[in-house]
């Protein structure tokens, strides 16, 4: 069902690669910040999931 839209997006991406790269080039020039942000987001997600589990146990009782 999504095939035509994915194909169209791929064609637009290929045709418009240079303007896309020029707009995002600055993101990749910051080097260490991208992996640091990924690590921070993974850490925050871990904390959120742990808190979710604690709240769920408080509401529904511990899992048996």
N, C-alpha and C. Protein backbone atom coordinates (compact mmCIF):
# COMPACT_ATOMS: atom_id res chain seq x y z
N UNK A 1 0.82 -1.19 0.00
CA UNK A 1 0.00 0.00 0.00
C UNK A 1 0.86 1.26 0.00
N UNK A 2 2.05 1.18 0.59
CA UNK A 2 2.90 2.36 0.68
C UNK A 2 3.96 2.40 -0.41
N UNK A 3 3.98 1.41 -1.29
CA UNK A 3 5.01 1.31 -2.32
C UNK A 3 5.15 2.54 -3.19
N UNK A 4 4.06 3.05 -3.77
CA UNK A 4 4.19 4.25 -4.63
C UNK A 4 4.73 5.46 -3.88
N UNK A 5 4.31 5.62 -2.62
CA UNK A 5 4.78 6.76 -1.85
C UNK A 5 6.25 6.62 -1.49
N UNK A 6 6.68 5.40 -1.18
CA UNK A 6 8.09 5.18 -0.89
C UNK A 6 8.95 5.41 -2.13
N UNK A 7 8.46 4.96 -3.27
CA UNK A 7 9.19 5.18 -4.53
C UNK A 7 9.28 6.67 -4.84
N UNK A 8 8.20 7.39 -4.68
CA UNK A 8 8.19 8.82 -4.93
C UNK A 8 9.15 9.55 -3.98
N UNK A 9 9.13 9.16 -2.72
CA UNK A 9 10.04 9.77 -1.76
C UNK A 9 11.49 9.47 -2.11
N UNK A 10 11.78 8.25 -2.55
CA UNK A 10 13.15 7.90 -2.94
C UNK A 10 13.59 8.72 -4.14
N UNK A 11 12.72 8.90 -5.12
CA UNK A 11 13.07 9.71 -6.31
C UNK A 11 13.30 11.16 -5.91
N UNK A 12 12.43 11.71 -5.09
CA UNK A 12 12.62 13.09 -4.64
C UNK A 12 13.91 13.25 -3.84
N UNK A 13 14.24 12.25 -3.05
CA UNK A 13 15.47 12.30 -2.26
C UNK A 13 16.69 12.26 -3.16
N UNK A 14 16.67 11.39 -4.17
CA UNK A 14 17.80 11.29 -5.10
C UNK A 14 17.94 12.57 -5.91
N UNK A 15 16.84 13.10 -6.41
CA UNK A 15 16.88 14.32 -7.22
C UNK A 15 17.30 15.52 -6.39
N UNK A 16 16.84 15.58 -5.16
CA UNK A 16 17.13 16.73 -4.31
C UNK A 16 18.25 16.50 -3.33
N UNK A 17 19.17 15.59 -3.62
CA UNK A 17 20.23 15.23 -2.67
C UNK A 17 21.11 16.41 -2.31
N UNK A 18 21.53 17.20 -3.27
CA UNK A 18 22.47 18.29 -2.99
C UNK A 18 21.87 19.32 -2.03
N UNK A 19 20.66 19.83 -2.27
CA UNK A 19 20.09 20.77 -1.29
C UNK A 19 19.87 20.14 0.09
N UNK A 20 19.49 18.86 0.10
CA UNK A 20 19.29 18.18 1.39
C UNK A 20 20.62 18.08 2.13
N UNK A 21 21.68 17.70 1.44
CA UNK A 21 22.99 17.55 2.08
C UNK A 21 23.51 18.90 2.57
N UNK A 22 23.30 19.95 1.80
CA UNK A 22 23.78 21.27 2.22
C UNK A 22 23.07 21.75 3.48
N UNK A 23 21.81 21.38 3.64
CA UNK A 23 21.07 21.80 4.84
C UNK A 23 21.43 20.97 6.06
N UNK A 24 21.83 19.71 5.88
CA UNK A 24 22.13 18.84 7.02
C UNK A 24 23.62 18.67 7.27
N UNK A 25 24.46 19.25 6.45
CA UNK A 25 25.91 19.06 6.59
C UNK A 25 26.40 19.54 7.95
N UNK A 26 25.83 20.58 8.48
CA UNK A 26 26.23 21.09 9.78
C UNK A 26 26.01 20.11 10.91
N UNK A 27 24.99 19.27 10.79
CA UNK A 27 24.70 18.28 11.83
C UNK A 27 25.83 17.27 11.93
N UNK A 28 26.37 16.87 10.79
CA UNK A 28 27.40 15.85 10.79
C UNK A 28 28.79 16.41 11.08
N UNK A 29 28.94 17.72 11.06
CA UNK A 29 30.24 18.32 11.34
C UNK A 29 30.49 18.46 12.84
N UNK A 30 29.49 18.23 13.68
CA UNK A 30 29.69 18.36 15.12
C UNK A 30 30.25 17.09 15.75
N UNK A 31 30.46 16.07 14.95
CA UNK A 31 31.20 14.88 15.35
C UNK A 31 30.68 14.16 16.57
N UNK A 32 31.32 14.38 17.70
CA UNK A 32 31.05 13.62 18.92
C UNK A 32 29.67 13.90 19.50
N UNK A 33 29.04 14.99 19.13
CA UNK A 33 27.77 15.35 19.74
C UNK A 33 26.64 14.40 19.34
N UNK A 34 26.67 13.91 18.12
CA UNK A 34 25.60 13.02 17.66
C UNK A 34 25.59 11.71 18.47
N UNK A 35 26.73 10.99 18.61
CA UNK A 35 26.70 9.78 19.45
C UNK A 35 26.40 10.08 20.91
N UNK A 36 26.84 11.25 21.40
CA UNK A 36 26.53 11.61 22.78
C UNK A 36 25.03 11.81 22.98
N UNK A 37 24.38 12.44 22.02
CA UNK A 37 22.92 12.63 22.11
C UNK A 37 22.18 11.30 22.02
N UNK A 38 22.66 10.40 21.16
CA UNK A 38 22.04 9.07 21.05
C UNK A 38 22.17 8.34 22.38
N UNK A 39 23.35 8.38 22.98
CA UNK A 39 23.57 7.71 24.27
C UNK A 39 22.69 8.34 25.36
N UNK A 40 22.59 9.66 25.37
CA UNK A 40 21.75 10.34 26.36
C UNK A 40 20.29 9.96 26.19
N UNK A 41 19.82 9.90 24.95
CA UNK A 41 18.43 9.53 24.70
C UNK A 41 18.16 8.09 25.12
N UNK A 42 19.10 7.20 24.86
CA UNK A 42 18.92 5.81 25.29
C UNK A 42 18.89 5.71 26.81
N UNK A 43 19.74 6.47 27.48
CA UNK A 43 19.73 6.49 28.94
C UNK A 43 18.42 7.03 29.50
N UNK A 44 17.93 8.12 28.91
CA UNK A 44 16.66 8.68 29.35
C UNK A 44 15.50 7.72 29.09
N UNK A 45 15.53 7.02 27.96
CA UNK A 45 14.48 6.06 27.65
C UNK A 45 14.50 4.91 28.66
N UNK A 46 15.70 4.47 29.04
CA UNK A 46 15.81 3.41 30.03
C UNK A 46 15.20 3.84 31.35
N UNK A 47 15.53 5.06 31.78
CA UNK A 47 14.95 5.59 33.01
C UNK A 47 13.44 5.71 32.94
N UNK A 48 12.93 6.17 31.81
CA UNK A 48 11.49 6.30 31.63
C UNK A 48 10.81 4.94 31.70
N UNK A 49 11.38 3.93 31.06
CA UNK A 49 10.78 2.60 31.09
C UNK A 49 10.81 2.00 32.50
N UNK A 50 11.89 2.28 33.25
CA UNK A 50 11.96 1.79 34.63
C UNK A 50 10.89 2.47 35.49
N UNK A 51 10.72 3.77 35.30
CA UNK A 51 9.70 4.48 36.06
C UNK A 51 8.30 3.99 35.68
N UNK A 52 8.10 3.73 34.39
CA UNK A 52 6.81 3.21 33.92
C UNK A 52 6.50 1.89 34.60
N UNK A 53 7.51 1.03 34.72
CA UNK A 53 7.32 -0.27 35.35
C UNK A 53 6.97 -0.12 36.83
N UNK A 54 7.61 0.83 37.51
CA UNK A 54 7.32 1.06 38.93
C UNK A 54 5.89 1.56 39.10
N UNK A 55 5.47 2.50 38.28
CA UNK A 55 4.09 3.03 38.36
C UNK A 55 3.09 1.93 38.05
N UNK A 56 3.39 1.12 37.04
CA UNK A 56 2.48 0.03 36.69
C UNK A 56 2.35 -0.97 37.84
N UNK A 57 3.46 -1.28 38.51
CA UNK A 57 3.41 -2.19 39.65
C UNK A 57 2.64 -1.59 40.82
N UNK A 58 2.74 -0.28 41.00
CA UNK A 58 1.99 0.37 42.07
C UNK A 58 0.49 0.35 41.78
N UNK A 59 0.11 0.49 40.53
CA UNK A 59 -1.30 0.54 40.17
C UNK A 59 -1.91 -0.88 40.14
N UNK A 60 -1.23 -1.80 39.49
CA UNK A 60 -1.79 -3.14 39.27
C UNK A 60 -1.22 -4.20 40.19
N UNK A 61 -0.27 -3.89 41.01
CA UNK A 61 0.36 -4.87 41.87
C UNK A 61 1.52 -5.54 41.14
N UNK A 62 2.43 -6.15 41.88
CA UNK A 62 3.60 -6.77 41.25
C UNK A 62 3.21 -7.95 40.36
N UNK A 63 4.02 -8.16 39.35
CA UNK A 63 3.77 -9.25 38.40
C UNK A 63 4.08 -10.58 39.08
N UNK A 64 3.26 -11.60 38.76
CA UNK A 64 3.45 -12.90 39.41
C UNK A 64 4.21 -13.82 38.52
